[in-house]
Amino acid sequence: MEAGGVADTLLSGSCLLFTLGMFSTGLSDLRHMWMTRRVDNVQFLPFLTTDVNNLSWLSYGTLKGDGTLIIVNAVGAVLQTLYILVYLHYCPRKAKVIQTKSTQRLSFSLTIATLLTSASWTLYGYQLRDPYIMVPNLPGILTSVIRLWLFWKYPQEQDRNYQLLQT
């Protein structure tokens, strides 16, 4: 295998690893919803936007014939759809939105996973010289950096019951 092939395989593997790791961060939220039968500390929007994103990338990967894009986004679409269905099952009819200076409703593990995933996909797109892979992942890097700043500015104080579920 030539040097370019090895680098392609390593980068493709890191994209798979980081992306599947990012999707798995939702498992703690899924377990929390299942055990408490509530969605009180779980955000819906990341599940929805990631599912739409996965379906879009799955379409692009299919058109391009890129196995890495197809595998990652097929798995992601299935998991995100599962998260959405469980969320909707336990969601109360009237949701209250409370603005606080708290990062309690943000997922630190999802922030780190998104940063690593977006960075690896950006590098993958750069290596392939494919702006359609590279450019859409730049906002993931930017928003992750912003969320990390929020975690620094407003340290997270978790509910003890929720913290026990995550261990």
N, C-alpha and C. Protein backbone atom coordinates (compact mmCIF):
# COMPACT_ATOMS: atom_id res chain seq x y z
N MET A 1 0.85 -1.18 0.00
CA MET A 1 0.00 0.00 0.00
C MET A 1 0.90 1.24 0.00
N GLU A 2 0.63 2.18 -0.87
CA GLU A 2 1.46 3.39 -0.95
C GLU A 2 1.13 4.37 0.17
N ALA A 3 2.00 5.36 0.35
CA ALA A 3 1.88 6.32 1.46
C ALA A 3 0.54 7.04 1.46
N GLY A 4 0.05 7.46 0.29
CA GLY A 4 -1.24 8.15 0.21
C GLY A 4 -2.38 7.25 0.64
N GLY A 5 -2.29 5.95 0.32
CA GLY A 5 -3.33 4.99 0.70
C GLY A 5 -3.39 4.77 2.19
N VAL A 6 -2.22 4.72 2.84
CA VAL A 6 -2.16 4.55 4.29
C VAL A 6 -2.75 5.78 4.98
N ALA A 7 -2.37 6.98 4.51
CA ALA A 7 -2.89 8.22 5.10
C ALA A 7 -4.40 8.30 4.91
N ASP A 8 -4.88 7.91 3.71
CA ASP A 8 -6.33 7.92 3.46
C ASP A 8 -7.06 6.99 4.42
N THR A 9 -6.49 5.80 4.62
CA THR A 9 -7.10 4.81 5.51
C THR A 9 -7.11 5.31 6.94
N LEU A 10 -5.99 5.88 7.40
CA LEU A 10 -5.93 6.39 8.77
C LEU A 10 -6.91 7.53 8.99
N LEU A 11 -6.98 8.45 8.05
CA LEU A 11 -7.89 9.59 8.19
C LEU A 11 -9.34 9.13 8.12
N SER A 12 -9.64 8.23 7.20
CA SER A 12 -10.99 7.68 7.09
C SER A 12 -11.37 6.96 8.38
N GLY A 13 -10.42 6.19 8.94
CA GLY A 13 -10.67 5.49 10.20
C GLY A 13 -10.90 6.44 11.36
N SER A 14 -10.15 7.55 11.40
CA SER A 14 -10.36 8.52 12.48
C SER A 14 -11.71 9.19 12.34
N CYS A 15 -12.13 9.47 11.10
CA CYS A 15 -13.47 10.04 10.89
C CYS A 15 -14.54 9.09 11.40
N LEU A 16 -14.40 7.80 11.07
CA LEU A 16 -15.36 6.80 11.54
C LEU A 16 -15.37 6.74 13.07
N LEU A 17 -14.19 6.65 13.66
CA LEU A 17 -14.08 6.52 15.11
C LEU A 17 -14.67 7.73 15.84
N PHE A 18 -14.26 8.93 15.47
CA PHE A 18 -14.73 10.12 16.16
C PHE A 18 -16.23 10.34 15.95
N THR A 19 -16.72 10.09 14.74
CA THR A 19 -18.14 10.31 14.47
C THR A 19 -19.00 9.31 15.22
N LEU A 20 -18.64 8.05 15.19
CA LEU A 20 -19.41 7.06 15.94
C LEU A 20 -19.32 7.33 17.44
N GLY A 21 -18.16 7.81 17.90
CA GLY A 21 -18.03 8.21 19.30
C GLY A 21 -18.95 9.36 19.64
N MET A 22 -19.06 10.33 18.72
CA MET A 22 -19.95 11.46 18.94
C MET A 22 -21.40 10.98 19.05
N PHE A 23 -21.79 10.08 18.16
CA PHE A 23 -23.16 9.57 18.20
C PHE A 23 -23.43 8.83 19.51
N SER A 24 -22.42 8.14 20.02
CA SER A 24 -22.62 7.37 21.24
C SER A 24 -22.77 8.25 22.48
N THR A 25 -22.38 9.53 22.40
CA THR A 25 -22.56 10.41 23.55
C THR A 25 -24.04 10.59 23.88
N GLY A 26 -24.89 10.38 22.90
CA GLY A 26 -26.33 10.46 23.14
C GLY A 26 -26.86 9.30 23.95
N LEU A 27 -26.07 8.23 24.09
CA LEU A 27 -26.53 7.07 24.85
C LEU A 27 -26.79 7.40 26.31
N SER A 28 -25.98 8.30 26.91
CA SER A 28 -26.24 8.67 28.31
C SER A 28 -27.56 9.43 28.42
N ASP A 29 -27.87 10.28 27.43
CA ASP A 29 -29.17 10.95 27.43
C ASP A 29 -30.30 9.95 27.23
N LEU A 30 -30.08 8.99 26.35
CA LEU A 30 -31.08 7.96 26.09
C LEU A 30 -31.36 7.17 27.37
N ARG A 31 -30.28 6.77 28.07
CA ARG A 31 -30.43 6.02 29.33
C ARG A 31 -31.14 6.87 30.38
N HIS A 32 -30.79 8.16 30.45
CA HIS A 32 -31.45 9.07 31.41
C HIS A 32 -32.95 9.15 31.13
N MET A 33 -33.32 9.34 29.86
CA MET A 33 -34.74 9.43 29.50
C MET A 33 -35.47 8.13 29.82
N TRP A 34 -34.83 7.02 29.52
CA TRP A 34 -35.45 5.71 29.73
C TRP A 34 -35.66 5.44 31.22
N MET A 35 -34.65 5.74 32.04
CA MET A 35 -34.74 5.41 33.47
C MET A 35 -35.64 6.37 34.24
N THR A 36 -35.62 7.66 33.88
CA THR A 36 -36.43 8.63 34.61
C THR A 36 -37.79 8.85 33.97
N ARG A 37 -37.93 8.39 32.73
CA ARG A 37 -39.16 8.58 31.94
C ARG A 37 -39.48 10.07 31.80
N ARG A 38 -38.39 10.88 31.76
CA ARG A 38 -38.51 12.33 31.61
C ARG A 38 -37.40 12.83 30.70
N VAL A 39 -37.59 14.04 30.19
CA VAL A 39 -36.58 14.64 29.31
C VAL A 39 -36.04 15.93 29.88
N ASP A 40 -36.19 16.12 31.20
CA ASP A 40 -35.90 17.41 31.82
C ASP A 40 -34.52 18.00 31.53
N ASN A 41 -33.46 17.25 31.50
CA ASN A 41 -32.13 17.79 31.25
C ASN A 41 -31.57 17.42 29.88
N VAL A 42 -32.44 17.05 28.97
CA VAL A 42 -32.01 16.60 27.66
C VAL A 42 -32.50 17.58 26.60
N GLN A 43 -31.60 17.96 25.70
CA GLN A 43 -31.96 18.89 24.63
C GLN A 43 -32.40 18.11 23.40
N PHE A 44 -33.46 18.58 22.76
CA PHE A 44 -34.00 17.94 21.56
C PHE A 44 -33.28 18.39 20.29
N LEU A 45 -32.95 19.67 20.21
CA LEU A 45 -32.41 20.24 18.98
C LEU A 45 -31.15 19.55 18.46
N PRO A 46 -30.17 19.18 19.32
CA PRO A 46 -29.01 18.48 18.77
C PRO A 46 -29.36 17.15 18.09
N PHE A 47 -30.34 16.42 18.64
CA PHE A 47 -30.76 15.17 18.00
C PHE A 47 -31.35 15.44 16.62
N LEU A 48 -32.21 16.44 16.55
CA LEU A 48 -32.88 16.76 15.29
C LEU A 48 -31.89 17.25 14.23
N THR A 49 -31.06 18.19 14.60
CA THR A 49 -30.13 18.74 13.61
C THR A 49 -29.10 17.69 13.16
N THR A 50 -28.67 16.84 14.08
CA THR A 50 -27.72 15.79 13.70
C THR A 50 -28.38 14.77 12.79
N ASP A 51 -29.65 14.45 13.04
CA ASP A 51 -30.36 13.51 12.18
C ASP A 51 -30.51 14.07 10.76
N VAL A 52 -30.92 15.33 10.65
CA VAL A 52 -31.04 15.96 9.34
C VAL A 52 -29.67 15.99 8.65
N ASN A 53 -28.64 16.33 9.42
CA ASN A 53 -27.29 16.36 8.89
C ASN A 53 -26.87 14.98 8.38
N ASN A 54 -27.14 13.93 9.18
CA ASN A 54 -26.79 12.57 8.77
C ASN A 54 -27.50 12.16 7.49
N LEU A 55 -28.77 12.49 7.39
CA LEU A 55 -29.52 12.12 6.19
C LEU A 55 -28.98 12.85 4.96
N SER A 56 -28.59 14.11 5.14
CA SER A 56 -28.02 14.87 4.02
C SER A 56 -26.68 14.28 3.59
N TRP A 57 -25.82 14.00 4.57
CA TRP A 57 -24.51 13.43 4.24
C TRP A 57 -24.63 12.02 3.69
N LEU A 58 -25.62 11.28 4.14
CA LEU A 58 -25.84 9.94 3.61
C LEU A 58 -26.19 10.02 2.12
N SER A 59 -27.01 10.98 1.77
CA SER A 59 -27.36 11.19 0.35
C SER A 59 -26.12 11.55 -0.46
N TYR A 60 -25.31 12.47 0.08
CA TYR A 60 -24.09 12.88 -0.62
C TYR A 60 -23.12 11.70 -0.75
N GLY A 61 -22.95 10.95 0.33
CA GLY A 61 -22.05 9.80 0.30
C GLY A 61 -22.48 8.76 -0.71
N THR A 62 -23.80 8.57 -0.83
CA THR A 62 -24.33 7.62 -1.81
C THR A 62 -24.06 8.11 -3.23
N LEU A 63 -24.31 9.39 -3.48
CA LEU A 63 -24.04 9.95 -4.81
C LEU A 63 -22.56 9.86 -5.17
N LYS A 64 -21.70 10.09 -4.20
CA LYS A 64 -20.26 10.09 -4.43
C LYS A 64 -19.67 8.67 -4.40
N GLY A 65 -20.39 7.74 -3.79
CA GLY A 65 -19.88 6.38 -3.65
C GLY A 65 -18.79 6.27 -2.60
N ASP A 66 -18.84 7.11 -1.57
CA ASP A 66 -17.83 7.13 -0.50
C ASP A 66 -18.32 6.26 0.66
N GLY A 67 -17.68 5.11 0.82
CA GLY A 67 -18.09 4.17 1.87
C GLY A 67 -18.01 4.74 3.27
N THR A 68 -17.01 5.57 3.54
CA THR A 68 -16.87 6.19 4.86
C THR A 68 -18.08 7.05 5.17
N LEU A 69 -18.47 7.90 4.23
CA LEU A 69 -19.65 8.76 4.43
C LEU A 69 -20.92 7.93 4.59
N ILE A 70 -21.04 6.88 3.81
CA ILE A 70 -22.26 6.05 3.85
C ILE A 70 -22.38 5.34 5.20
N ILE A 71 -21.32 4.66 5.64
CA ILE A 71 -21.38 3.89 6.89
C ILE A 71 -21.66 4.79 8.09
N VAL A 72 -20.88 5.85 8.22
CA VAL A 72 -21.01 6.74 9.38
C VAL A 72 -22.41 7.35 9.44
N ASN A 73 -22.89 7.84 8.33
CA ASN A 73 -24.17 8.56 8.35
C ASN A 73 -25.38 7.64 8.38
N ALA A 74 -25.25 6.42 7.90
CA ALA A 74 -26.35 5.45 8.05
C ALA A 74 -26.51 5.09 9.53
N VAL A 75 -25.39 4.80 10.20
CA VAL A 75 -25.43 4.50 11.63
C VAL A 75 -25.94 5.72 12.40
N GLY A 76 -25.43 6.89 12.07
CA GLY A 76 -25.86 8.12 12.74
C GLY A 76 -27.34 8.39 12.59
N ALA A 77 -27.87 8.22 11.38
CA ALA A 77 -29.29 8.47 11.15
C ALA A 77 -30.16 7.52 11.97
N VAL A 78 -29.76 6.26 12.05
CA VAL A 78 -30.52 5.29 12.85
C VAL A 78 -30.50 5.68 14.33
N LEU A 79 -29.31 5.99 14.86
CA LEU A 79 -29.21 6.35 16.28
C LEU A 79 -29.95 7.64 16.60
N GLN A 80 -29.77 8.66 15.78
CA GLN A 80 -30.43 9.94 16.04
C GLN A 80 -31.95 9.80 15.97
N THR A 81 -32.43 9.01 15.03
CA THR A 81 -33.88 8.77 14.94
C THR A 81 -34.38 8.06 16.19
N LEU A 82 -33.60 7.10 16.69
CA LEU A 82 -33.96 6.43 17.94
C LEU A 82 -34.03 7.43 19.09
N TYR A 83 -33.02 8.30 19.21
CA TYR A 83 -33.01 9.31 20.27
C TYR A 83 -34.25 10.21 20.16
N ILE A 84 -34.58 10.62 18.94
CA ILE A 84 -35.74 11.49 18.73
C ILE A 84 -37.02 10.80 19.14
N LEU A 85 -37.19 9.54 18.76
CA LEU A 85 -38.41 8.81 19.11
C LEU A 85 -38.57 8.65 20.61
N VAL A 86 -37.47 8.33 21.30
CA VAL A 86 -37.53 8.19 22.76
C VAL A 86 -37.83 9.55 23.39
N TYR A 87 -37.19 10.60 22.90
CA TYR A 87 -37.43 11.94 23.42
C TYR A 87 -38.91 12.31 23.27
N LEU A 88 -39.45 12.11 22.09
CA LEU A 88 -40.86 12.46 21.86
C LEU A 88 -41.80 11.62 22.71
N HIS A 89 -41.41 10.39 22.98
CA HIS A 89 -42.24 9.51 23.82
C HIS A 89 -42.35 10.05 25.24
N TYR A 90 -41.25 10.59 25.78
CA TYR A 90 -41.24 11.05 27.17
C TYR A 90 -41.41 12.57 27.33
N CYS A 91 -41.52 13.29 26.22
CA CYS A 91 -41.63 14.74 26.28
C CYS A 91 -43.00 15.18 26.78
N PRO A 92 -43.04 16.11 27.75
CA PRO A 92 -44.34 16.63 28.19
C PRO A 92 -44.96 17.49 27.08
N ARG A 93 -46.26 17.65 27.15
CA ARG A 93 -46.97 18.39 26.10
C ARG A 93 -46.56 19.85 26.04
N LYS A 94 -46.31 20.47 27.16
CA LYS A 94 -45.90 21.87 27.18
C LYS A 94 -44.48 21.97 27.72
N ALA A 95 -43.59 22.40 26.87
CA ALA A 95 -42.19 22.56 27.31
C ALA A 95 -41.98 23.99 27.79
N LYS A 96 -41.20 24.13 28.87
CA LYS A 96 -40.86 25.46 29.39
C LYS A 96 -39.42 25.76 29.01
N VAL A 97 -39.20 26.97 28.56
CA VAL A 97 -37.84 27.39 28.23
C VAL A 97 -37.41 28.40 29.27
N ILE A 98 -36.33 28.08 29.94
CA ILE A 98 -35.81 28.96 30.99
C ILE A 98 -34.41 29.39 30.60
N GLN A 99 -34.22 30.69 30.51
CA GLN A 99 -32.89 31.20 30.18
C GLN A 99 -32.10 31.38 31.46
N THR A 100 -30.98 30.69 31.53
CA THR A 100 -30.09 30.81 32.70
C THR A 100 -28.66 30.97 32.22
N LYS A 101 -27.84 31.31 33.14
CA LYS A 101 -26.41 31.36 32.84
C LYS A 101 -25.79 30.06 33.34
N SER A 102 -26.31 28.95 32.83
CA SER A 102 -25.88 27.64 33.27
C SER A 102 -25.63 26.74 32.07
N THR A 103 -24.60 25.93 32.14
CA THR A 103 -24.31 24.97 31.08
C THR A 103 -24.86 23.59 31.41
N GLN A 104 -25.72 23.52 32.41
CA GLN A 104 -26.26 22.23 32.84
C GLN A 104 -26.96 21.50 31.70
N ARG A 105 -27.57 22.23 30.79
CA ARG A 105 -28.30 21.59 29.70
C ARG A 105 -27.43 21.32 28.48
N LEU A 106 -26.15 21.67 28.56
CA LEU A 106 -25.22 21.38 27.48
C LEU A 106 -24.43 20.12 27.82
N SER A 107 -24.12 19.34 26.82
CA SER A 107 -23.35 18.12 27.02
C SER A 107 -21.88 18.38 26.73
N PHE A 108 -21.04 18.24 27.76
CA PHE A 108 -19.61 18.45 27.57
C PHE A 108 -19.02 17.37 26.67
N SER A 109 -19.44 16.12 26.88
CA SER A 109 -18.90 15.03 26.06
C SER A 109 -19.30 15.21 24.60
N LEU A 110 -20.51 15.69 24.34
CA LEU A 110 -20.93 15.94 22.96
C LEU A 110 -20.13 17.09 22.36
N THR A 111 -19.81 18.08 23.16
CA THR A 111 -19.01 19.21 22.67
C THR A 111 -17.62 18.75 22.24
N ILE A 112 -16.96 17.94 23.07
CA ILE A 112 -15.63 17.42 22.74
C ILE A 112 -15.72 16.51 21.51
N ALA A 113 -16.72 15.63 21.49
CA ALA A 113 -16.89 14.71 20.37
C ALA A 113 -17.16 15.46 19.07
N THR A 114 -17.96 16.51 19.14
CA THR A 114 -18.25 17.31 17.94
C THR A 114 -16.99 18.01 17.44
N LEU A 115 -16.18 18.54 18.36
CA LEU A 115 -14.94 19.19 17.98
C LEU A 115 -14.01 18.21 17.26
N LEU A 116 -13.81 17.03 17.85
CA LEU A 116 -12.93 16.04 17.24
C LEU A 116 -13.48 15.53 15.91
N THR A 117 -14.79 15.31 15.86
CA THR A 117 -15.42 14.81 14.64
C THR A 117 -15.34 15.85 13.53
N SER A 118 -15.71 17.07 13.83
CA SER A 118 -15.69 18.13 12.81
C SER A 118 -14.27 18.37 12.30
N ALA A 119 -13.31 18.35 13.22
CA ALA A 119 -11.92 18.55 12.81
C ALA A 119 -11.44 17.41 11.90
N SER A 120 -11.79 16.16 12.26
CA SER A 120 -11.33 15.04 11.45
C SER A 120 -12.00 15.05 10.07
N TRP A 121 -13.29 15.40 10.00
CA TRP A 121 -13.96 15.48 8.69
C TRP A 121 -13.43 16.64 7.86
N THR A 122 -13.08 17.74 8.51
CA THR A 122 -12.49 18.86 7.78
C THR A 122 -11.15 18.44 7.17
N LEU A 123 -10.33 17.74 7.95
CA LEU A 123 -9.06 17.25 7.43
C LEU A 123 -9.26 16.22 6.31
N TYR A 124 -10.26 15.37 6.47
CA TYR A 124 -10.57 14.37 5.45
C TYR A 124 -10.97 15.07 4.14
N GLY A 125 -11.83 16.07 4.24
CA GLY A 125 -12.23 16.84 3.06
C GLY A 125 -11.06 17.59 2.45
N TYR A 126 -10.19 18.12 3.29
CA TYR A 126 -9.00 18.82 2.80
C TYR A 126 -8.08 17.85 2.04
N GLN A 127 -7.89 16.67 2.63
CA GLN A 127 -7.03 15.68 1.99
C GLN A 127 -7.58 15.24 0.63
N LEU A 128 -8.91 15.11 0.54
CA LEU A 128 -9.55 14.71 -0.72
C LEU A 128 -9.73 15.90 -1.67
N ARG A 129 -9.42 17.08 -1.17
CA ARG A 129 -9.65 18.33 -1.90
C ARG A 129 -11.14 18.44 -2.29
N ASP A 130 -11.98 18.12 -1.29
CA ASP A 130 -13.43 18.13 -1.50
C ASP A 130 -14.06 19.16 -0.58
N PRO A 131 -14.35 20.35 -1.09
CA PRO A 131 -14.93 21.40 -0.23
C PRO A 131 -16.32 21.03 0.29
N TYR A 132 -17.01 20.10 -0.38
CA TYR A 132 -18.34 19.70 0.09
C TYR A 132 -18.27 18.88 1.37
N ILE A 133 -17.13 18.32 1.67
CA ILE A 133 -16.92 17.63 2.95
C ILE A 133 -16.28 18.58 3.95
N MET A 134 -15.32 19.35 3.48
CA MET A 134 -14.54 20.22 4.36
C MET A 134 -15.35 21.38 4.93
N VAL A 135 -15.96 22.18 4.09
CA VAL A 135 -16.59 23.44 4.51
C VAL A 135 -17.76 23.23 5.48
N PRO A 136 -18.67 22.28 5.27
CA PRO A 136 -19.80 22.14 6.21
C PRO A 136 -19.39 21.73 7.62
N ASN A 137 -18.17 21.24 7.78
CA ASN A 137 -17.72 20.84 9.11
C ASN A 137 -17.04 21.96 9.88
N LEU A 138 -16.70 23.05 9.23
CA LEU A 138 -16.08 24.19 9.91
C LEU A 138 -16.99 24.79 10.99
N PRO A 139 -18.31 24.92 10.74
CA PRO A 139 -19.17 25.44 11.82
C PRO A 139 -19.18 24.55 13.06
N GLY A 140 -19.00 23.24 12.89
CA GLY A 140 -18.92 22.34 14.05
C GLY A 140 -17.73 22.66 14.92
N ILE A 141 -16.61 23.02 14.28
CA ILE A 141 -15.42 23.41 15.04
C ILE A 141 -15.69 24.72 15.78
N LEU A 142 -16.25 25.69 15.07
CA LEU A 142 -16.53 27.00 15.66
C LEU A 142 -17.52 26.89 16.83
N THR A 143 -18.63 26.18 16.63
CA THR A 143 -19.62 26.08 17.71
C THR A 143 -19.07 25.29 18.90
N SER A 144 -18.21 24.32 18.64
CA SER A 144 -17.60 23.58 19.75
C SER A 144 -16.68 24.48 20.58
N VAL A 145 -15.93 25.32 19.90
CA VAL A 145 -15.05 26.25 20.61
C VAL A 145 -15.90 27.23 21.45
N ILE A 146 -17.00 27.69 20.89
CA ILE A 146 -17.90 28.59 21.63
C ILE A 146 -18.48 27.88 22.85
N ARG A 147 -18.91 26.62 22.68
CA ARG A 147 -19.46 25.87 23.81
C ARG A 147 -18.39 25.61 24.87
N LEU A 148 -17.16 25.32 24.44
CA LEU A 148 -16.07 25.15 25.42
C LEU A 148 -15.85 26.43 26.21
N TRP A 149 -15.94 27.57 25.56
CA TRP A 149 -15.82 28.85 26.25
C TRP A 149 -16.96 29.00 27.27
N LEU A 150 -18.18 28.60 26.88
CA LEU A 150 -19.31 28.68 27.81
C LEU A 150 -19.10 27.78 29.02
N PHE A 151 -18.55 26.57 28.80
CA PHE A 151 -18.25 25.69 29.93
C PHE A 151 -17.21 26.32 30.86
N TRP A 152 -16.25 27.03 30.29
CA TRP A 152 -15.25 27.70 31.09
C TRP A 152 -15.87 28.86 31.87
N LYS A 153 -16.72 29.63 31.20
CA LYS A 153 -17.33 30.81 31.82
C LYS A 153 -18.39 30.43 32.85
N TYR A 154 -19.20 29.41 32.54
CA TYR A 154 -20.28 28.97 33.43
C TYR A 154 -20.08 27.49 33.75
N PRO A 155 -19.28 27.18 34.77
CA PRO A 155 -19.02 25.77 35.10
C PRO A 155 -20.32 25.00 35.35
N GLN A 156 -20.28 23.74 34.94
CA GLN A 156 -21.47 22.90 35.01
C GLN A 156 -21.69 22.36 36.42
N GLU A 157 -22.94 22.47 36.89
CA GLU A 157 -23.34 21.90 38.17
C GLU A 157 -24.49 20.96 37.87
N GLN A 158 -24.20 19.64 37.88
CA GLN A 158 -25.21 18.67 37.50
C GLN A 158 -26.07 18.24 38.67
N ASP A 159 -27.28 17.87 38.33
CA ASP A 159 -28.18 17.25 39.28
C ASP A 159 -27.55 15.92 39.71
N ARG A 160 -27.53 15.64 40.99
CA ARG A 160 -26.87 14.43 41.50
C ARG A 160 -27.46 13.16 40.88
N ASN A 161 -28.76 13.09 40.73
CA ASN A 161 -29.39 11.89 40.17
C ASN A 161 -28.94 11.67 38.73
N TYR A 162 -28.87 12.73 37.95
CA TYR A 162 -28.44 12.63 36.55
C TYR A 162 -26.97 12.23 36.48
N GLN A 163 -26.15 12.77 37.38
CA GLN A 163 -24.73 12.45 37.40
C GLN A 163 -24.53 10.96 37.70
N LEU A 164 -25.32 10.40 38.62
CA LEU A 164 -25.21 8.99 38.94
C LEU A 164 -25.57 8.11 37.75
N LEU A 165 -26.51 8.54 36.94
CA LEU A 165 -26.90 7.77 35.76
C LEU A 165 -25.80 7.72 34.72
N GLN A 166 -24.96 8.75 34.68
CA GLN A 166 -23.91 8.81 33.67
C GLN A 166 -22.70 7.97 34.04
N THR A 167 -22.57 7.53 35.29
CA THR A 167 -21.39 6.77 35.68
C THR A 167 -21.56 5.30 35.42
